[in-house]
Amino acid sequence: MNNIKLFSDYERIFKKVNKKTRQCLVNGCKNNAIKSHALQKKGILKEISSKNHIYQFSNVPLFLKDKKGNYELKKRGINDVFTFPGFCALHDTSVFSNIETNKIQANSIESARLHSYRAISQEIRRKEIAIDLANDLLDTNPPLDIIMSFHFYKKGLLSGIENLNFFKNELEKEIFTEYSIFEYQIVELPKIEVCISAPLTIKNENESDADILDENGNFVNKIITTNILNIFPIKNKTLVLLAQHPKYPCDWSSDLINELKNSEKTNYKKIISDIISTRAEFWCISPKLYESINKKKKERLLEIWKNEVLNFSSNINNDFNFFE
């Protein structure tokens, strides 16, 4: 199979899997999902938009990588930014109405909980779509190296979904049964026109990659520490909302919050730059701020991300600051 046919197949399948009707992500719901926003369109995204457009960090589809590289910051309308086929119309309205209609304070525990639920649901759905894409590509009989690569890729996606579903189910206990499980940290910063919404898997220093076996020698799926981070501007400030499961604490996240709480003493812009260049894949930036940054910094940001995208260590040395 030559590259032209591979790219052609990928483009066709990419469009197909992204048009596929999907089921609501709320456990037990069989209704079809509609287009959901991970972050509020009217209150958050619109506030930093210019003519209803912002720049969103994105993976470049395989068939466009030769022209555009692996990643890009793409100008998109706010109707399409941070969207995913997540929840049915009923749950998209009923579960999130308090943050969509501003009935609760953006810096409240309930706000942090609901934003966390959306962020982790978006990541699960993205991985499901990626698995469909890999399966359909494997059906086209690609070369052996592509087959091996995609089988490895699928294994990682399936493991990731299983891990994320644990935390999603724990959040649903809080949302639908009023349990109290997660610990939430909320920090207010000076306003910076960047939005981040993502679950983060960052290893503690003593955390092992080794597989765990039961007494019969079978692999046991272990829970991997995952925190959920949302950062977005609201009115004249920026909010940081972090959700941590107390049984699976993350040292990096705890240090992050402590640093941001002392933002007068630390460079909060450098901290956010570190997050978008080495940690979080789902983020966007206002046109005003993005277009004020020089081309070399934009190129350097994408280069750093390419090098660090699979680095889950708590210690990443990075002297780059996208904003200064």
Protein backbone atom coordinates (compact mmCIF):
# COMPACT_ATOMS: atom_id res chain seq x y z
CA MET A 1 0.00 0.00 0.00
CA ASN A 2 1.47 3.36 -0.99
CA ASN A 3 1.21 6.55 1.05
CA ILE A 4 -1.35 8.07 -1.30
CA LYS A 5 -3.80 5.19 -0.73
CA LEU A 6 -3.07 5.14 3.02
CA PHE A 7 -3.75 8.86 3.35
CA SER A 8 -6.85 8.56 1.17
CA ASP A 9 -8.20 5.73 3.35
CA TYR A 10 -7.39 7.67 6.50
CA GLU A 11 -9.18 10.79 5.28
CA ARG A 12 -12.29 8.81 4.32
CA ILE A 13 -12.37 6.89 7.61
CA PHE A 14 -11.58 10.02 9.66
CA LYS A 15 -14.67 11.74 8.29
CA LYS A 16 -16.79 8.61 8.75
CA VAL A 17 -15.94 7.97 12.42
CA ASN A 18 -16.43 11.63 13.31
CA LYS A 19 -19.93 11.57 11.82
CA LYS A 20 -20.91 8.36 13.61
CA THR A 21 -23.92 8.54 15.95
CA ARG A 22 -22.76 7.90 19.51
CA GLN A 23 -24.47 7.12 22.78
CA CYS A 24 -24.78 9.46 25.76
CA LEU A 25 -21.83 9.04 28.15
CA VAL A 26 -23.97 9.04 31.30
CA ASN A 27 -23.91 5.50 32.67
CA GLY A 28 -27.08 3.61 31.76
CA CYS A 29 -28.37 6.17 29.25
CA LYS A 30 -29.14 4.77 25.78
CA ASN A 31 -30.03 8.07 24.10
CA ASN A 32 -27.99 9.47 21.25
CA ALA A 33 -25.39 12.09 22.09
CA ILE A 34 -25.58 15.62 20.77
CA LYS A 35 -22.69 18.04 20.29
CA SER A 36 -21.57 19.07 23.77
CA HIS A 37 -19.12 21.78 24.80
CA ALA A 38 -16.44 20.93 27.34
CA LEU A 39 -16.38 24.60 28.32
CA GLN A 40 -19.29 27.00 28.31
CA LYS A 41 -19.63 28.64 24.90
CA LYS A 42 -21.48 31.81 25.87
CA GLY A 43 -19.82 32.61 29.16
CA ILE A 44 -16.23 31.39 28.75
CA LEU A 45 -15.29 30.88 25.11
CA LYS A 46 -17.16 33.88 23.76
CA GLU A 47 -15.52 36.15 26.32
CA ILE A 48 -12.05 35.56 24.86
CA SER A 49 -13.12 35.27 21.22
CA SER A 50 -12.73 37.77 18.40
CA LYS A 51 -15.63 37.72 15.94
CA ASN A 52 -16.64 34.43 17.62
CA HIS A 53 -13.30 32.77 16.81
CA ILE A 54 -10.39 31.57 18.95
CA TYR A 55 -7.25 29.48 18.40
CA GLN A 56 -7.42 25.84 19.54
CA PHE A 57 -4.48 23.45 19.90
CA SER A 58 -5.10 20.40 17.69
CA ASN A 59 -3.55 17.21 16.40
CA VAL A 60 -3.15 17.37 12.65
CA PRO A 61 -4.85 14.45 10.83
CA LEU A 62 -2.45 11.94 9.27
CA PHE A 63 -3.33 12.93 5.71
CA LEU A 64 -2.33 16.57 6.39
CA LYS A 65 0.86 16.04 8.42
CA ASP A 66 3.17 16.42 5.41
CA LYS A 67 1.80 19.92 4.87
CA LYS A 68 1.16 21.11 8.42
CA GLY A 69 3.30 19.02 10.77
CA ASN A 70 2.01 17.02 13.74
CA TYR A 71 0.26 19.80 15.68
CA GLU A 72 -1.21 23.21 15.06
CA LEU A 73 -3.06 26.08 16.66
CA LYS A 74 -6.09 26.36 14.45
CA LYS A 75 -8.49 29.29 14.30
CA ARG A 76 -11.98 27.95 14.86
CA GLY A 77 -15.46 29.27 15.53
CA ILE A 78 -16.64 28.95 19.12
CA ASN A 79 -19.50 26.70 17.98
CA ASP A 80 -16.88 24.03 17.23
CA VAL A 81 -14.23 24.62 19.91
CA PHE A 82 -14.01 22.00 22.66
CA THR A 83 -17.01 20.12 21.24
CA PHE A 84 -17.58 16.38 21.31
CA PRO A 85 -20.56 14.00 20.93
CA GLY A 86 -20.88 13.61 24.68
CA PHE A 87 -24.34 13.67 26.21
CA CYS A 88 -27.92 13.36 25.11
CA ALA A 89 -30.06 16.51 25.02
CA LEU A 90 -31.68 15.61 28.34
CA HIS A 91 -28.45 15.12 30.28
CA ASP A 92 -26.56 17.90 28.53
CA THR A 93 -29.22 20.27 29.85
CA SER A 94 -30.14 18.77 33.22
CA VAL A 95 -26.67 17.88 34.49
CA PHE A 96 -24.92 21.08 33.44
CA SER A 97 -27.69 23.67 33.67
CA ASN A 98 -26.22 25.23 36.81
CA ILE A 99 -22.97 26.17 35.09
CA GLU A 100 -24.57 26.98 31.73
CA THR A 101 -27.07 29.41 33.26
CA ASN A 102 -24.66 30.76 35.91
CA LYS A 103 -26.92 29.64 38.75
CA ILE A 104 -23.82 28.79 40.76
CA GLN A 105 -20.55 30.63 41.22
CA ALA A 106 -17.83 29.62 38.78
CA ASN A 107 -15.43 29.27 41.71
CA SER A 108 -17.64 26.82 43.63
CA ILE A 109 -17.12 23.13 44.37
CA GLU A 110 -20.12 22.22 42.20
CA SER A 111 -18.65 24.16 39.29
CA ALA A 112 -15.33 22.32 39.71
CA ARG A 113 -17.17 18.99 39.85
CA LEU A 114 -19.22 19.58 36.69
CA HIS A 115 -16.30 20.97 34.71
CA SER A 116 -14.24 17.95 35.76
CA TYR A 117 -16.99 15.59 34.61
CA ARG A 118 -17.14 17.24 31.21
CA ALA A 119 -13.35 17.21 30.81
CA ILE A 120 -12.96 13.53 31.60
CA SER A 121 -15.98 12.59 29.46
CA GLN A 122 -14.51 14.46 26.51
CA GLU A 123 -11.24 12.54 26.82
CA ILE A 124 -13.04 9.18 27.00
CA ARG A 125 -15.08 9.95 23.90
CA ARG A 126 -11.98 11.09 22.00
CA LYS A 127 -10.28 7.80 22.78
CA GLU A 128 -13.35 5.84 21.66
CA ILE A 129 -13.34 7.69 18.34
CA ALA A 130 -9.61 7.00 17.95
CA ILE A 131 -10.21 3.27 18.49
CA ASP A 132 -12.90 3.25 15.79
CA LEU A 133 -10.47 5.00 13.47
CA ALA A 134 -7.74 2.45 14.19
CA ASN A 135 -10.11 -0.50 13.70
CA ASP A 136 -11.36 0.76 10.35
CA LEU A 137 -7.82 1.47 9.16
CA LEU A 138 -6.74 -2.05 10.10
CA ASP A 139 -9.58 -3.36 7.91
CA THR A 140 -7.90 -1.76 4.87
CA ASN A 141 -4.96 -4.22 5.10
CA PRO A 142 -2.20 -1.67 5.68
CA PRO A 143 1.51 -2.62 5.76
CA LEU A 144 2.74 -4.77 8.65
CA ASP A 145 4.50 -1.88 10.42
CA ILE A 146 1.22 0.10 10.41
CA ILE A 147 -0.65 -2.94 11.75
CA MET A 148 1.81 -3.38 14.64
CA SER A 149 1.77 0.34 15.38
CA PHE A 150 -2.02 0.53 15.48
CA HIS A 151 -2.37 -2.59 17.63
CA PHE A 152 -0.02 -1.00 20.18
CA TYR A 153 -1.89 2.29 19.86
CA LYS A 154 -5.26 0.58 20.49
CA LYS A 155 -3.94 -1.20 23.56
CA GLY A 156 -2.93 2.14 25.07
CA LEU A 157 -6.30 3.71 24.23
CA LEU A 158 -8.27 0.84 25.78
CA SER A 159 -6.16 0.96 28.92
CA GLY A 160 -6.64 4.73 29.09
CA ILE A 161 -10.43 4.46 28.73
CA GLU A 162 -10.62 1.87 31.48
CA ASN A 163 -8.61 4.09 33.80
CA LEU A 164 -10.59 7.24 32.97
CA ASN A 165 -13.89 5.40 33.44
CA PHE A 166 -12.95 4.66 37.04
CA PHE A 167 -12.66 8.38 37.77
CA LYS A 168 -15.72 9.22 35.67
CA ASN A 169 -17.79 6.69 37.65
CA GLU A 170 -16.56 8.21 40.89
CA LEU A 171 -17.62 11.66 39.67
CA GLU A 172 -21.05 10.32 38.71
CA LYS A 173 -21.52 9.10 42.29
CA GLU A 174 -21.04 12.69 43.40
CA ILE A 175 -23.29 14.18 40.72
CA PHE A 176 -26.17 11.72 40.84
CA THR A 177 -26.10 10.32 44.39
CA GLU A 178 -24.55 13.20 46.38
CA TYR A 179 -21.53 11.23 47.57
CA SER A 180 -18.48 13.28 48.48
CA ILE A 181 -15.33 11.67 47.09
CA PHE A 182 -13.03 14.08 45.27
CA GLU A 183 -10.97 16.85 46.76
CA TYR A 184 -11.25 20.15 44.89
CA GLN A 185 -8.79 22.99 44.82
CA ILE A 186 -9.81 26.40 43.47
CA VAL A 187 -7.37 29.24 42.84
CA GLU A 188 -7.96 32.70 41.39
CA LEU A 189 -5.28 34.31 39.21
CA PRO A 190 -4.94 37.54 37.27
CA LYS A 191 -6.75 37.21 33.98
CA ILE A 192 -4.97 35.46 31.11
CA GLU A 193 -6.96 34.61 27.99
CA VAL A 194 -6.21 30.88 27.88
CA CYS A 195 -8.61 27.98 28.51
CA ILE A 196 -7.48 24.47 29.52
CA SER A 197 -9.73 21.47 30.16
CA ALA A 198 -8.09 18.07 30.54
CA PRO A 199 -7.48 15.04 32.73
CA LEU A 200 -3.76 14.79 33.53
CA THR A 201 -1.85 11.59 34.14
CA ILE A 202 1.43 12.50 35.83
CA LYS A 203 3.43 9.91 37.73
CA ASN A 204 4.60 10.44 41.26
CA GLU A 205 8.32 9.87 41.68
CA ASN A 206 7.84 6.48 43.36
CA GLU A 207 5.12 5.27 40.97
CA SER A 208 6.08 2.14 39.02
CA ASP A 209 5.31 1.23 35.42
CA ALA A 210 5.57 -2.46 36.23
CA ASP A 211 2.57 -4.68 35.52
CA ILE A 212 0.79 -6.23 38.49
CA LEU A 213 -0.03 -9.93 38.50
CA ASP A 214 -2.61 -11.73 40.64
CA GLU A 215 -1.93 -15.05 42.40
CA ASN A 216 -2.73 -16.92 39.16
CA GLY A 217 -0.29 -14.89 37.09
CA ASN A 218 -2.98 -12.84 35.34
CA PHE A 219 -2.49 -9.14 34.69
CA VAL A 220 -4.35 -6.85 37.08
CA ASN A 221 -5.44 -3.45 35.82
CA LYS A 222 -4.17 -0.87 38.26
CA ILE A 223 -5.56 2.62 38.69
CA ILE A 224 -3.19 5.25 37.37
CA THR A 225 -3.15 8.58 39.17
CA THR A 226 -5.30 11.01 37.19
CA ASN A 227 -6.28 14.54 38.15
CA ILE A 228 -8.65 16.81 36.23
CA LEU A 229 -7.62 20.37 35.52
CA ASN A 230 -9.71 23.27 34.23
CA ILE A 231 -8.32 26.76 33.77
CA PHE A 232 -10.36 29.55 32.22
CA PRO A 233 -10.90 33.32 32.46
CA ILE A 234 -14.14 34.62 33.86
CA LYS A 235 -14.81 38.36 34.01
CA ASN A 236 -11.64 40.02 35.31
CA LYS A 237 -9.80 36.93 36.62
CA THR A 238 -8.73 33.41 35.70
CA LEU A 239 -9.93 30.39 37.65
CA VAL A 240 -7.99 27.20 38.26
CA LEU A 241 -10.19 24.21 39.19
CA LEU A 242 -8.45 20.97 40.14
CA ALA A 243 -10.12 17.67 41.06
CA GLN A 244 -8.10 14.99 42.85
CA HIS A 245 -9.20 11.57 44.06
CA PRO A 246 -7.91 11.23 47.65
CA LYS A 247 -6.90 7.60 47.10
CA TYR A 248 -4.78 8.55 44.10
CA PRO A 249 -3.13 11.88 44.92
CA CYS A 250 -0.68 13.51 42.51
CA ASP A 251 2.35 15.24 43.97
CA TRP A 252 2.80 17.37 40.83
CA SER A 253 -0.76 18.69 41.04
CA SER A 254 -0.43 19.48 44.73
CA ASP A 255 2.78 21.40 44.04
CA LEU A 256 1.06 23.20 41.14
CA ILE A 257 -1.75 24.46 43.36
CA ASN A 258 0.67 25.56 46.07
CA GLU A 259 2.69 27.52 43.52
CA LEU A 260 -0.39 29.16 42.03
CA LYS A 261 -1.70 30.11 45.46
CA ASN A 262 1.49 32.15 45.79
CA SER A 263 1.11 33.65 42.32
CA GLU A 264 2.29 37.05 43.55
CA LYS A 265 5.63 35.42 44.30
CA THR A 266 5.69 33.06 41.32
CA ASN A 267 5.30 33.62 37.61
CA TYR A 268 1.84 32.22 36.96
CA LYS A 269 2.23 32.84 33.22
CA LYS A 270 5.30 30.57 33.19
CA ILE A 271 3.34 27.89 35.04
CA ILE A 272 0.50 28.03 32.51
CA SER A 273 3.07 28.01 29.70
CA ASP A 274 4.54 24.80 31.16
CA ILE A 275 1.09 23.21 31.26
CA ILE A 276 0.22 23.94 27.63
CA SER A 277 3.68 23.03 26.31
CA THR A 278 4.19 19.76 28.21
CA ARG A 279 1.01 18.60 29.98
CA ALA A 280 -2.41 19.46 28.53
CA GLU A 281 -3.55 18.73 25.00
CA PHE A 282 -6.93 20.49 25.23
CA TRP A 283 -6.48 24.22 25.37
CA CYS A 284 -7.30 27.34 23.43
CA ILE A 285 -6.20 30.96 23.42
CA SER A 286 -7.74 34.28 22.44
CA PRO A 287 -6.83 35.71 19.02
CA LYS A 288 -5.64 38.91 20.69
CA LEU A 289 -3.12 37.08 22.87
CA TYR A 290 -2.07 34.50 20.26
CA GLU A 291 -1.46 37.05 17.53
CA SER A 292 0.71 39.12 19.89
CA ILE A 293 3.20 36.23 20.23
CA ASN A 294 6.03 35.93 17.74
CA LYS A 295 6.32 33.12 15.21
CA LYS A 296 9.46 31.58 16.75
CA LYS A 297 7.70 31.06 20.09
CA LYS A 298 4.73 29.45 18.36
CA GLU A 299 7.04 27.06 16.54
CA ARG A 300 8.98 26.32 19.72
CA LEU A 301 5.78 25.52 21.62
CA LEU A 302 4.78 22.88 19.06
CA GLU A 303 8.32 21.45 19.05
CA ILE A 304 8.35 21.07 22.85
CA TRP A 305 4.93 19.40 22.83
CA LYS A 306 6.08 16.93 20.16
CA ASN A 307 9.08 15.98 22.31
CA GLU A 308 7.22 15.74 25.63
CA VAL A 309 3.77 14.41 24.66
CA LEU A 310 4.53 10.93 26.03
CA ASN A 311 6.49 12.13 29.05
CA PHE A 312 4.36 11.54 32.16
CA SER A 313 7.18 12.21 34.61
CA SER A 314 6.57 14.73 37.37
CA ASN A 315 9.88 16.38 36.53
CA ILE A 316 10.16 18.00 33.11
CA ASN A 317 12.87 20.61 32.74
CA ASN A 318 11.47 23.43 30.63
CA ASP A 319 12.85 26.97 30.51
CA PHE A 320 10.38 28.07 27.81
CA ASN A 321 7.75 30.73 28.49
CA PHE A 322 5.18 31.15 25.72
CA PHE A 323 3.86 34.42 27.12
CA GLU A 324 7.04 36.39 27.86
